[in-house]
N, C-alpha and C. Protein backbone atom coordinates (compact mmCIF):
# COMPACT_ATOMS: atom_id res chain seq x y z
N MET A 1 11.45 -6.54 61.93
CA MET A 1 12.16 -7.75 62.31
C MET A 1 11.16 -8.72 62.91
N ILE A 2 11.19 -9.97 62.39
CA ILE A 2 10.30 -11.01 62.90
C ILE A 2 11.16 -12.19 63.31
N ASN A 3 11.10 -12.53 64.67
CA ASN A 3 11.90 -13.64 65.20
C ASN A 3 13.37 -13.50 64.85
N GLY A 4 13.87 -12.29 64.97
CA GLY A 4 15.29 -12.03 64.75
C GLY A 4 15.71 -11.97 63.30
N VAL A 5 14.74 -12.06 62.35
CA VAL A 5 15.08 -12.01 60.92
C VAL A 5 14.55 -10.71 60.35
N LYS A 6 15.42 -9.96 59.73
CA LYS A 6 15.01 -8.68 59.15
C LYS A 6 14.17 -8.89 57.90
N ASN A 7 13.16 -8.03 57.76
CA ASN A 7 12.36 -8.06 56.53
C ASN A 7 13.18 -7.54 55.36
N PRO A 8 13.08 -8.14 54.16
CA PRO A 8 13.83 -7.61 53.01
C PRO A 8 13.29 -6.24 52.62
N PRO A 9 14.15 -5.40 52.10
CA PRO A 9 13.71 -4.04 51.75
C PRO A 9 12.61 -4.09 50.71
N ASP A 10 11.76 -3.04 50.72
CA ASP A 10 10.67 -2.97 49.75
C ASP A 10 11.19 -2.93 48.32
N ILE A 11 12.35 -2.25 48.14
CA ILE A 11 12.88 -2.13 46.79
C ILE A 11 13.21 -3.49 46.21
N GLY A 12 13.66 -4.40 47.05
CA GLY A 12 13.98 -5.75 46.60
C GLY A 12 12.73 -6.47 46.15
N ILE A 13 11.64 -6.29 46.88
CA ILE A 13 10.38 -6.92 46.50
C ILE A 13 9.89 -6.35 45.18
N GLN A 14 10.01 -5.02 45.02
CA GLN A 14 9.53 -4.39 43.79
C GLN A 14 10.34 -4.82 42.58
N LEU A 15 11.66 -4.93 42.77
CA LEU A 15 12.50 -5.35 41.67
C LEU A 15 12.19 -6.79 41.26
N SER A 16 11.95 -7.65 42.26
CA SER A 16 11.62 -9.03 41.96
C SER A 16 10.30 -9.13 41.21
N GLU A 17 9.31 -8.32 41.63
CA GLU A 17 8.03 -8.34 40.95
C GLU A 17 8.15 -7.82 39.51
N THR A 18 8.98 -6.79 39.34
CA THR A 18 9.18 -6.25 38.00
C THR A 18 9.85 -7.27 37.10
N LYS A 19 10.87 -7.96 37.65
CA LYS A 19 11.55 -8.99 36.86
C LYS A 19 10.60 -10.11 36.47
N LEU A 20 9.74 -10.53 37.43
CA LEU A 20 8.77 -11.58 37.14
C LEU A 20 7.79 -11.13 36.07
N ALA A 21 7.36 -9.87 36.18
CA ALA A 21 6.40 -9.36 35.18
C ALA A 21 7.02 -9.34 33.79
N MET A 22 8.32 -8.99 33.72
CA MET A 22 8.98 -8.98 32.42
C MET A 22 9.10 -10.39 31.86
N GLU A 23 9.33 -11.37 32.76
CA GLU A 23 9.47 -12.74 32.30
C GLU A 23 8.16 -13.29 31.75
N ILE A 24 7.03 -12.89 32.33
CA ILE A 24 5.74 -13.41 31.85
C ILE A 24 5.12 -12.51 30.79
N GLY A 25 5.81 -11.40 30.44
CA GLY A 25 5.38 -10.58 29.32
C GLY A 25 4.42 -9.47 29.67
N THR A 26 4.21 -9.16 30.93
CA THR A 26 3.27 -8.09 31.28
C THR A 26 3.92 -6.73 31.21
N VAL A 27 5.27 -6.67 31.19
CA VAL A 27 5.98 -5.41 31.07
C VAL A 27 6.92 -5.53 29.88
N ASN A 28 6.90 -4.55 28.97
CA ASN A 28 7.75 -4.60 27.81
C ASN A 28 9.18 -4.28 28.18
N SER A 29 10.10 -5.07 27.66
CA SER A 29 11.52 -4.80 27.88
C SER A 29 11.95 -3.68 26.96
N PRO A 30 13.10 -3.04 27.24
CA PRO A 30 13.59 -1.98 26.34
C PRO A 30 13.78 -2.48 24.91
N LEU A 31 14.20 -3.76 24.76
CA LEU A 31 14.38 -4.31 23.42
C LEU A 31 13.06 -4.38 22.68
N ASP A 32 11.99 -4.81 23.37
CA ASP A 32 10.67 -4.88 22.73
C ASP A 32 10.20 -3.50 22.31
N GLU A 33 10.45 -2.50 23.15
CA GLU A 33 10.03 -1.14 22.82
C GLU A 33 10.77 -0.62 21.60
N ASN A 34 12.08 -0.97 21.50
CA ASN A 34 12.84 -0.54 20.32
C ASN A 34 12.32 -1.21 19.06
N VAL A 35 12.01 -2.50 19.16
CA VAL A 35 11.47 -3.23 18.00
C VAL A 35 10.14 -2.64 17.58
N ASN A 36 9.27 -2.34 18.56
CA ASN A 36 7.97 -1.74 18.23
C ASN A 36 8.15 -0.37 17.57
N GLY A 37 9.14 0.40 18.07
CA GLY A 37 9.40 1.71 17.48
C GLY A 37 9.87 1.61 16.04
N ILE A 38 10.76 0.64 15.77
CA ILE A 38 11.24 0.44 14.40
C ILE A 38 10.10 0.00 13.49
N ALA A 39 9.23 -0.88 13.99
CA ALA A 39 8.09 -1.35 13.20
C ALA A 39 7.15 -0.19 12.85
N GLU A 40 6.93 0.72 13.81
CA GLU A 40 6.06 1.86 13.54
C GLU A 40 6.67 2.79 12.49
N VAL A 41 7.99 2.99 12.58
CA VAL A 41 8.67 3.83 11.59
C VAL A 41 8.58 3.18 10.20
N MET A 42 8.76 1.86 10.14
CA MET A 42 8.63 1.15 8.86
C MET A 42 7.22 1.29 8.29
N GLN A 43 6.22 1.21 9.16
CA GLN A 43 4.84 1.39 8.71
C GLN A 43 4.66 2.76 8.06
N VAL A 44 5.17 3.79 8.71
CA VAL A 44 5.01 5.16 8.20
C VAL A 44 5.74 5.31 6.87
N VAL A 45 6.98 4.82 6.79
CA VAL A 45 7.78 4.95 5.56
C VAL A 45 7.10 4.22 4.41
N LEU A 46 6.64 3.00 4.66
CA LEU A 46 5.99 2.21 3.61
C LEU A 46 4.70 2.87 3.13
N ARG A 47 3.95 3.45 4.06
CA ARG A 47 2.71 4.11 3.67
C ARG A 47 2.99 5.37 2.86
N VAL A 48 4.03 6.10 3.21
CA VAL A 48 4.41 7.28 2.43
C VAL A 48 4.81 6.87 1.01
N LEU A 49 5.63 5.82 0.91
CA LEU A 49 6.04 5.32 -0.41
C LEU A 49 4.83 4.85 -1.21
N CYS A 50 3.89 4.21 -0.55
CA CYS A 50 2.70 3.72 -1.24
C CYS A 50 1.83 4.89 -1.72
N VAL A 51 1.75 5.95 -0.94
CA VAL A 51 1.03 7.15 -1.38
C VAL A 51 1.67 7.72 -2.64
N VAL A 52 3.01 7.82 -2.62
CA VAL A 52 3.73 8.37 -3.78
C VAL A 52 3.50 7.52 -5.02
N SER A 53 3.61 6.19 -4.88
CA SER A 53 3.43 5.32 -6.04
C SER A 53 1.98 5.34 -6.55
N SER A 54 1.01 5.40 -5.63
CA SER A 54 -0.40 5.44 -6.04
C SER A 54 -0.73 6.74 -6.76
N VAL A 55 -0.24 7.85 -6.22
CA VAL A 55 -0.49 9.15 -6.86
C VAL A 55 0.20 9.21 -8.22
N THR A 56 1.40 8.64 -8.31
CA THR A 56 2.11 8.61 -9.59
C THR A 56 1.34 7.79 -10.62
N ALA A 57 0.85 6.61 -10.21
CA ALA A 57 0.05 5.79 -11.12
C ALA A 57 -1.20 6.53 -11.57
N LEU A 58 -1.84 7.20 -10.64
CA LEU A 58 -3.05 7.97 -10.95
C LEU A 58 -2.74 9.10 -11.92
N SER A 59 -1.68 9.86 -11.66
CA SER A 59 -1.33 11.01 -12.49
C SER A 59 -0.96 10.59 -13.91
N LEU A 60 -0.16 9.52 -14.02
CA LEU A 60 0.23 9.06 -15.35
C LEU A 60 -0.97 8.59 -16.16
N MET A 61 -1.90 7.91 -15.50
CA MET A 61 -3.04 7.38 -16.24
C MET A 61 -3.98 8.50 -16.70
N VAL A 62 -4.29 9.46 -15.82
CA VAL A 62 -5.26 10.51 -16.20
C VAL A 62 -4.68 11.49 -17.22
N THR A 63 -3.37 11.46 -17.41
CA THR A 63 -2.76 12.33 -18.44
C THR A 63 -2.42 11.55 -19.70
N ALA A 64 -2.83 10.26 -19.75
CA ALA A 64 -2.55 9.45 -20.94
C ALA A 64 -3.56 9.77 -22.02
N GLU A 65 -3.11 10.49 -23.06
CA GLU A 65 -3.98 10.88 -24.17
C GLU A 65 -3.12 11.22 -25.38
N GLN A 66 -3.54 10.77 -26.54
CA GLN A 66 -2.76 11.05 -27.75
C GLN A 66 -3.63 10.86 -28.98
N SER A 67 -3.34 11.65 -30.01
CA SER A 67 -4.03 11.54 -31.30
C SER A 67 -3.00 11.22 -32.38
N SER A 68 -3.41 10.41 -33.35
CA SER A 68 -2.51 10.03 -34.45
C SER A 68 -3.35 9.46 -35.59
N ASN A 69 -2.67 8.88 -36.57
CA ASN A 69 -3.33 8.26 -37.72
C ASN A 69 -2.82 6.83 -37.89
N ILE A 70 -3.66 5.96 -38.42
CA ILE A 70 -3.29 4.58 -38.67
C ILE A 70 -3.88 4.15 -40.01
N THR A 71 -3.14 3.27 -40.70
CA THR A 71 -3.59 2.80 -42.01
C THR A 71 -4.10 1.37 -41.89
N VAL A 72 -5.35 1.14 -42.25
CA VAL A 72 -5.97 -0.18 -42.21
C VAL A 72 -6.55 -0.48 -43.58
N LEU A 73 -6.05 -1.54 -44.24
CA LEU A 73 -6.53 -1.94 -45.56
C LEU A 73 -6.43 -0.81 -46.57
N GLY A 74 -5.36 -0.05 -46.42
CA GLY A 74 -5.12 1.05 -47.35
C GLY A 74 -5.84 2.33 -47.03
N PHE A 75 -6.64 2.31 -45.98
CA PHE A 75 -7.37 3.53 -45.60
C PHE A 75 -6.68 4.18 -44.39
N LYS A 76 -6.54 5.47 -44.45
CA LYS A 76 -5.92 6.22 -43.35
C LYS A 76 -7.02 6.64 -42.37
N ILE A 77 -6.90 6.16 -41.17
CA ILE A 77 -7.94 6.39 -40.17
C ILE A 77 -7.35 7.20 -39.01
N PRO A 78 -8.01 8.30 -38.64
CA PRO A 78 -7.53 9.07 -37.49
C PRO A 78 -7.83 8.34 -36.17
N LEU A 79 -6.91 8.41 -35.27
CA LEU A 79 -7.05 7.76 -33.96
C LEU A 79 -6.94 8.80 -32.86
N HIS A 80 -7.74 8.60 -31.84
CA HIS A 80 -7.61 9.42 -30.62
C HIS A 80 -7.81 8.48 -29.43
N SER A 81 -6.79 8.38 -28.62
CA SER A 81 -6.84 7.46 -27.49
C SER A 81 -6.75 8.23 -26.18
N LYS A 82 -7.58 7.82 -25.22
CA LYS A 82 -7.62 8.48 -23.92
C LYS A 82 -7.96 7.43 -22.86
N TRP A 83 -7.44 7.62 -21.65
CA TRP A 83 -7.63 6.63 -20.59
C TRP A 83 -9.10 6.39 -20.30
N SER A 84 -9.93 7.42 -20.43
CA SER A 84 -11.35 7.29 -20.07
C SER A 84 -12.14 6.47 -21.08
N PHE A 85 -11.50 6.07 -22.20
CA PHE A 85 -12.18 5.24 -23.18
C PHE A 85 -12.22 3.77 -22.75
N SER A 86 -11.47 3.43 -21.72
CA SER A 86 -11.39 2.03 -21.27
C SER A 86 -11.90 1.92 -19.83
N HIS A 87 -12.81 0.99 -19.59
CA HIS A 87 -13.32 0.77 -18.23
C HIS A 87 -12.21 0.25 -17.31
N SER A 88 -11.28 -0.52 -17.86
CA SER A 88 -10.18 -1.04 -17.05
C SER A 88 -9.28 0.08 -16.56
N PHE A 89 -9.01 1.05 -17.42
CA PHE A 89 -8.18 2.18 -17.01
C PHE A 89 -8.92 3.06 -16.00
N GLU A 90 -10.23 3.23 -16.19
CA GLU A 90 -11.02 3.99 -15.23
C GLU A 90 -11.03 3.29 -13.86
N TYR A 91 -11.10 1.97 -13.88
CA TYR A 91 -11.06 1.19 -12.64
C TYR A 91 -9.74 1.40 -11.92
N LEU A 92 -8.63 1.39 -12.68
CA LEU A 92 -7.32 1.61 -12.08
C LEU A 92 -7.24 3.00 -11.45
N VAL A 93 -7.76 4.01 -12.13
CA VAL A 93 -7.75 5.37 -11.60
C VAL A 93 -8.56 5.45 -10.30
N GLY A 94 -9.74 4.85 -10.30
CA GLY A 94 -10.58 4.89 -9.10
C GLY A 94 -9.94 4.20 -7.91
N ILE A 95 -9.36 3.02 -8.13
CA ILE A 95 -8.73 2.29 -7.03
C ILE A 95 -7.49 3.02 -6.53
N SER A 96 -6.68 3.54 -7.44
CA SER A 96 -5.48 4.28 -7.03
C SER A 96 -5.85 5.51 -6.20
N ALA A 97 -6.91 6.20 -6.60
CA ALA A 97 -7.35 7.37 -5.84
C ALA A 97 -7.85 6.96 -4.45
N ALA A 98 -8.61 5.87 -4.38
CA ALA A 98 -9.12 5.40 -3.09
C ALA A 98 -7.98 4.97 -2.17
N VAL A 99 -6.98 4.29 -2.72
CA VAL A 99 -5.83 3.87 -1.92
C VAL A 99 -5.08 5.09 -1.39
N ALA A 100 -4.86 6.08 -2.25
CA ALA A 100 -4.15 7.28 -1.82
C ALA A 100 -4.90 8.00 -0.70
N VAL A 101 -6.21 8.13 -0.82
CA VAL A 101 -7.00 8.79 0.22
C VAL A 101 -6.93 8.01 1.53
N HIS A 102 -7.07 6.69 1.44
CA HIS A 102 -6.98 5.84 2.64
C HIS A 102 -5.65 6.01 3.35
N LEU A 103 -4.56 5.98 2.59
CA LEU A 103 -3.23 6.07 3.18
C LEU A 103 -2.96 7.45 3.77
N ILE A 104 -3.41 8.49 3.08
CA ILE A 104 -3.19 9.85 3.59
C ILE A 104 -3.95 10.06 4.90
N LEU A 105 -5.20 9.60 4.96
CA LEU A 105 -5.97 9.71 6.20
C LEU A 105 -5.30 8.94 7.33
N HIS A 106 -4.82 7.73 7.02
CA HIS A 106 -4.15 6.93 8.05
C HIS A 106 -2.88 7.62 8.53
N LEU A 107 -2.12 8.22 7.61
CA LEU A 107 -0.89 8.91 8.00
C LEU A 107 -1.19 10.13 8.87
N LEU A 108 -2.26 10.84 8.55
CA LEU A 108 -2.63 12.00 9.36
C LEU A 108 -3.00 11.58 10.78
N ILE A 109 -3.78 10.51 10.89
CA ILE A 109 -4.18 10.01 12.21
C ILE A 109 -2.96 9.50 12.97
N SER A 110 -2.11 8.75 12.29
CA SER A 110 -0.92 8.20 12.95
C SER A 110 0.03 9.30 13.37
N GLY A 111 0.20 10.31 12.50
CA GLY A 111 1.08 11.43 12.85
C GLY A 111 0.59 12.18 14.07
N THR A 112 -0.72 12.38 14.16
CA THR A 112 -1.30 13.06 15.33
C THR A 112 -1.06 12.26 16.59
N ARG A 113 -1.23 10.94 16.51
CA ARG A 113 -1.03 10.08 17.68
C ARG A 113 0.44 10.06 18.11
N LEU A 114 1.35 10.00 17.13
CA LEU A 114 2.76 9.97 17.47
C LEU A 114 3.21 11.28 18.11
N LEU A 115 2.69 12.41 17.63
CA LEU A 115 3.02 13.71 18.22
C LEU A 115 2.54 13.81 19.66
N ARG A 116 1.46 13.11 19.97
CA ARG A 116 0.92 13.10 21.34
C ARG A 116 1.56 12.02 22.19
N GLY A 117 2.52 11.29 21.63
CA GLY A 117 3.21 10.26 22.38
C GLY A 117 2.42 8.98 22.53
N LEU A 118 1.44 8.76 21.65
CA LEU A 118 0.61 7.56 21.71
C LEU A 118 1.05 6.56 20.66
N PRO A 119 0.79 5.28 20.86
CA PRO A 119 1.16 4.28 19.86
C PRO A 119 0.39 4.48 18.55
N ASN A 120 0.99 3.98 17.47
CA ASN A 120 0.40 4.14 16.14
C ASN A 120 -0.96 3.47 16.05
N ILE A 121 -1.10 2.30 16.65
CA ILE A 121 -2.35 1.54 16.65
C ILE A 121 -2.89 1.53 18.08
N SER A 122 -4.10 2.00 18.25
CA SER A 122 -4.63 2.22 19.60
C SER A 122 -5.08 0.95 20.29
N SER A 123 -5.59 -0.03 19.55
CA SER A 123 -6.12 -1.23 20.18
C SER A 123 -6.07 -2.39 19.18
N ARG A 124 -6.38 -3.59 19.68
CA ARG A 124 -6.39 -4.76 18.81
C ARG A 124 -7.48 -4.64 17.74
N ASN A 125 -8.64 -4.10 18.11
CA ASN A 125 -9.71 -3.90 17.13
C ASN A 125 -9.26 -2.93 16.04
N HIS A 126 -8.55 -1.89 16.45
CA HIS A 126 -8.01 -0.93 15.48
C HIS A 126 -7.03 -1.63 14.55
N GLY A 127 -6.21 -2.53 15.10
CA GLY A 127 -5.26 -3.29 14.29
C GLY A 127 -5.95 -4.18 13.28
N TRP A 128 -7.03 -4.84 13.70
CA TRP A 128 -7.79 -5.69 12.78
C TRP A 128 -8.42 -4.86 11.67
N LEU A 129 -8.90 -3.67 12.00
CA LEU A 129 -9.51 -2.80 10.99
C LEU A 129 -8.47 -2.39 9.94
N ILE A 130 -7.28 -1.98 10.40
CA ILE A 130 -6.23 -1.58 9.47
C ILE A 130 -5.81 -2.76 8.60
N PHE A 131 -5.67 -3.93 9.22
CA PHE A 131 -5.29 -5.14 8.48
C PHE A 131 -6.32 -5.45 7.38
N SER A 132 -7.59 -5.36 7.72
CA SER A 132 -8.65 -5.68 6.76
C SER A 132 -8.66 -4.71 5.59
N VAL A 133 -8.55 -3.41 5.90
CA VAL A 133 -8.60 -2.40 4.84
C VAL A 133 -7.36 -2.51 3.94
N ASP A 134 -6.18 -2.70 4.55
CA ASP A 134 -4.96 -2.85 3.75
C ASP A 134 -5.06 -4.06 2.83
N GLN A 135 -5.61 -5.15 3.34
CA GLN A 135 -5.72 -6.36 2.53
C GLN A 135 -6.70 -6.17 1.38
N VAL A 136 -7.84 -5.53 1.65
CA VAL A 136 -8.83 -5.28 0.60
C VAL A 136 -8.24 -4.42 -0.51
N PHE A 137 -7.53 -3.35 -0.14
CA PHE A 137 -6.96 -2.46 -1.15
C PHE A 137 -5.81 -3.14 -1.90
N ALA A 138 -5.05 -4.01 -1.24
CA ALA A 138 -3.99 -4.74 -1.94
C ALA A 138 -4.58 -5.63 -3.02
N LEU A 139 -5.67 -6.32 -2.70
CA LEU A 139 -6.34 -7.17 -3.68
C LEU A 139 -6.97 -6.33 -4.80
N ALA A 140 -7.53 -5.18 -4.43
CA ALA A 140 -8.14 -4.30 -5.44
C ALA A 140 -7.09 -3.76 -6.41
N LEU A 141 -5.92 -3.40 -5.88
CA LEU A 141 -4.84 -2.92 -6.76
C LEU A 141 -4.35 -4.02 -7.69
N MET A 142 -4.25 -5.23 -7.17
CA MET A 142 -3.84 -6.34 -8.02
C MET A 142 -4.86 -6.57 -9.13
N SER A 143 -6.14 -6.48 -8.79
CA SER A 143 -7.20 -6.65 -9.78
C SER A 143 -7.15 -5.55 -10.83
N ALA A 144 -6.99 -4.30 -10.37
CA ALA A 144 -6.96 -3.16 -11.30
C ALA A 144 -5.75 -3.24 -12.21
N GLY A 145 -4.58 -3.57 -11.65
CA GLY A 145 -3.38 -3.68 -12.47
C GLY A 145 -3.48 -4.79 -13.49
N SER A 146 -4.04 -5.93 -13.09
CA SER A 146 -4.18 -7.05 -14.01
C SER A 146 -5.16 -6.72 -15.14
N SER A 147 -6.27 -6.08 -14.79
CA SER A 147 -7.26 -5.71 -15.80
C SER A 147 -6.68 -4.72 -16.81
N ALA A 148 -5.97 -3.71 -16.30
CA ALA A 148 -5.38 -2.71 -17.19
C ALA A 148 -4.27 -3.32 -18.03
N SER A 149 -3.55 -4.30 -17.47
CA SER A 149 -2.46 -4.94 -18.22
C SER A 149 -3.00 -5.69 -19.44
N SER A 150 -4.16 -6.33 -19.29
CA SER A 150 -4.73 -7.07 -20.42
C SER A 150 -5.09 -6.13 -21.56
N VAL A 151 -5.64 -4.96 -21.23
CA VAL A 151 -5.98 -3.99 -22.28
C VAL A 151 -4.73 -3.43 -22.92
N SER A 152 -3.73 -3.12 -22.09
CA SER A 152 -2.48 -2.58 -22.62
C SER A 152 -1.78 -3.60 -23.53
N SER A 153 -1.82 -4.86 -23.11
CA SER A 153 -1.21 -5.92 -23.94
C SER A 153 -1.90 -6.04 -25.29
N LEU A 154 -3.22 -5.92 -25.28
CA LEU A 154 -3.98 -5.99 -26.54
C LEU A 154 -3.62 -4.81 -27.44
N ASN A 155 -3.42 -3.63 -26.87
CA ASN A 155 -3.03 -2.47 -27.66
C ASN A 155 -1.66 -2.68 -28.31
N HIS A 156 -0.77 -3.36 -27.61
CA HIS A 156 0.57 -3.59 -28.14
C HIS A 156 0.59 -4.68 -29.22
N SER A 157 -0.17 -5.74 -29.00
CA SER A 157 -0.10 -6.89 -29.90
C SER A 157 -1.11 -6.85 -31.04
N GLY A 158 -2.19 -6.06 -30.87
CA GLY A 158 -3.26 -6.08 -31.85
C GLY A 158 -4.06 -7.36 -31.71
N ILE A 159 -4.91 -7.65 -32.67
CA ILE A 159 -5.72 -8.86 -32.67
C ILE A 159 -5.29 -9.74 -33.84
N ARG A 160 -4.84 -10.93 -33.54
CA ARG A 160 -4.38 -11.84 -34.59
C ARG A 160 -5.53 -12.26 -35.52
N HIS A 161 -5.15 -12.53 -36.77
CA HIS A 161 -6.09 -13.00 -37.80
C HIS A 161 -7.15 -11.94 -38.14
N THR A 162 -6.87 -10.69 -37.82
CA THR A 162 -7.76 -9.59 -38.21
C THR A 162 -6.90 -8.47 -38.78
N ALA A 163 -7.57 -7.45 -39.28
CA ALA A 163 -6.83 -6.31 -39.84
C ALA A 163 -6.42 -5.31 -38.78
N LEU A 164 -6.81 -5.54 -37.53
CA LEU A 164 -6.47 -4.59 -36.47
C LEU A 164 -4.98 -4.71 -36.13
N PRO A 165 -4.22 -3.62 -36.26
CA PRO A 165 -2.76 -3.67 -36.07
C PRO A 165 -2.38 -3.34 -34.63
N ASN A 166 -1.07 -3.16 -34.44
CA ASN A 166 -0.52 -2.71 -33.17
C ASN A 166 -0.80 -1.22 -33.00
N PHE A 167 -1.74 -0.89 -32.12
CA PHE A 167 -2.11 0.51 -31.94
C PHE A 167 -1.02 1.32 -31.26
N CYS A 168 -0.10 0.66 -30.57
CA CYS A 168 0.92 1.39 -29.81
C CYS A 168 2.03 1.94 -30.69
N LYS A 169 2.09 1.51 -31.96
CA LYS A 169 3.08 2.13 -32.85
C LYS A 169 2.75 3.58 -33.13
N PRO A 170 1.53 3.91 -33.55
CA PRO A 170 1.21 5.33 -33.74
C PRO A 170 0.88 6.06 -32.43
N LEU A 171 0.56 5.30 -31.37
CA LEU A 171 0.17 5.91 -30.09
C LEU A 171 1.17 5.51 -29.00
N HIS A 172 2.45 5.60 -29.34
CA HIS A 172 3.48 5.11 -28.42
C HIS A 172 3.53 5.91 -27.12
N ARG A 173 3.31 7.22 -27.18
CA ARG A 173 3.36 8.03 -25.96
C ARG A 173 2.23 7.64 -25.00
N PHE A 174 1.06 7.42 -25.56
CA PHE A 174 -0.08 6.99 -24.74
C PHE A 174 0.20 5.63 -24.10
N CYS A 175 0.68 4.68 -24.88
CA CYS A 175 0.93 3.34 -24.36
C CYS A 175 2.05 3.33 -23.32
N ASP A 176 3.07 4.17 -23.52
CA ASP A 176 4.16 4.22 -22.55
C ASP A 176 3.68 4.75 -21.20
N ARG A 177 2.83 5.77 -21.22
CA ARG A 177 2.30 6.32 -19.96
C ARG A 177 1.41 5.29 -19.26
N VAL A 178 0.61 4.58 -20.04
CA VAL A 178 -0.26 3.55 -19.46
C VAL A 178 0.58 2.44 -18.83
N ALA A 179 1.60 1.99 -19.55
CA ALA A 179 2.45 0.91 -19.03
C ALA A 179 3.16 1.34 -17.75
N THR A 180 3.64 2.57 -17.70
CA THR A 180 4.31 3.06 -16.49
C THR A 180 3.33 3.17 -15.33
N SER A 181 2.12 3.62 -15.63
CA SER A 181 1.09 3.71 -14.60
C SER A 181 0.78 2.34 -14.02
N ILE A 182 0.68 1.33 -14.89
CA ILE A 182 0.41 -0.02 -14.42
C ILE A 182 1.55 -0.54 -13.55
N ALA A 183 2.80 -0.21 -13.94
CA ALA A 183 3.95 -0.64 -13.14
C ALA A 183 3.90 -0.05 -11.74
N PHE A 184 3.55 1.23 -11.64
CA PHE A 184 3.44 1.86 -10.32
C PHE A 184 2.26 1.30 -9.52
N THR A 185 1.22 0.87 -10.24
CA THR A 185 0.09 0.24 -9.55
C THR A 185 0.52 -1.06 -8.88
N PHE A 186 1.28 -1.87 -9.59
CA PHE A 186 1.77 -3.12 -9.00
C PHE A 186 2.78 -2.85 -7.87
N LEU A 187 3.55 -1.76 -7.99
CA LEU A 187 4.45 -1.38 -6.89
C LEU A 187 3.64 -1.03 -5.65
N SER A 188 2.55 -0.28 -5.83
CA SER A 188 1.69 0.05 -4.69
C SER A 188 1.09 -1.21 -4.07
N CYS A 189 0.71 -2.15 -4.92
CA CYS A 189 0.18 -3.42 -4.44
C CYS A 189 1.21 -4.15 -3.59
N PHE A 190 2.46 -4.20 -4.08
CA PHE A 190 3.53 -4.87 -3.33
C PHE A 190 3.75 -4.21 -1.97
N LEU A 191 3.77 -2.88 -1.94
CA LEU A 191 3.97 -2.16 -0.67
C LEU A 191 2.83 -2.44 0.31
N LEU A 192 1.61 -2.52 -0.20
CA LEU A 192 0.48 -2.83 0.67
C LEU A 192 0.56 -4.26 1.19
N VAL A 193 1.06 -5.18 0.37
CA VAL A 193 1.23 -6.56 0.84
C VAL A 193 2.24 -6.60 1.99
N VAL A 194 3.31 -5.84 1.87
CA VAL A 194 4.29 -5.77 2.96
C VAL A 194 3.64 -5.19 4.22
N LEU A 195 2.81 -4.18 4.05
CA LEU A 195 2.10 -3.59 5.18
C LEU A 195 1.15 -4.60 5.82
N VAL A 196 0.50 -5.42 5.01
CA VAL A 196 -0.38 -6.46 5.55
C VAL A 196 0.42 -7.44 6.40
N VAL A 197 1.61 -7.80 5.95
CA VAL A 197 2.47 -8.70 6.73
C VAL A 197 2.83 -8.06 8.07
N LEU A 198 3.17 -6.77 8.05
CA LEU A 198 3.49 -6.07 9.30
C LEU A 198 2.26 -5.99 10.21
N ASP A 199 1.08 -5.83 9.61
CA ASP A 199 -0.15 -5.83 10.41
C ASP A 199 -0.34 -7.18 11.11
N VAL A 200 -0.07 -8.26 10.39
CA VAL A 200 -0.20 -9.59 10.97
C VAL A 200 0.78 -9.79 12.12
N LEU A 201 2.01 -9.32 11.93
CA LEU A 201 3.01 -9.45 12.99
C LEU A 201 2.60 -8.66 14.23
N TRP A 202 2.01 -7.48 14.02
CA TRP A 202 1.55 -6.68 15.17
C TRP A 202 0.42 -7.41 15.90
N LEU A 203 -0.52 -7.95 15.13
CA LEU A 203 -1.66 -8.65 15.75
C LEU A 203 -1.20 -9.90 16.49
N SER A 204 -0.15 -10.55 16.00
CA SER A 204 0.32 -11.76 16.68
C SER A 204 0.99 -11.48 18.01
N LYS A 205 1.40 -10.21 18.20
CA LYS A 205 2.09 -9.85 19.44
C LYS A 205 1.19 -9.13 20.43
N HIS A 206 -0.04 -8.82 20.03
CA HIS A 206 -0.92 -8.05 20.91
C HIS A 206 -2.26 -8.79 21.07
């Protein structure tokens, strides 16, 4: 008591300080924690889906192989088509494998941190690193899918004003597997783009 006025209880001072800290953003509110938790779950789900799509694209491409015959100018010519005959298809396989490895390693690290009760991203520098790698792989997948699409389109349409026909008629199984692989590659690219957006949102808040 000072000059007949009682001092306010300590709990009142602490509550006021806590309220002020929440107002200036130094303490996360329960709503912010729930939003962060949902964002982390979305990150994990999207990365799992991206692993599945990348592995599927990789598996379909490396098993794309078929033999058949084609007639050109009256001559019957044997054909054998395989993914490794095209540099574009090899590029798609390499990028898909690299993306899958990157995502699996990230999921293992994130899972370990979550089990220990730690946040998915440890620091702002860690966030920038994840953002950079996700962006690089998203662009690489787009490049690989576009390159493989041009080769696949040429196989379907043939070359105009020449005797080269539509190779996908006798090699339809090979072309179907390649086309499906390319579709999953673009799906992986889309999922990584969404992850890049989530990375940006995290960086803007930290």
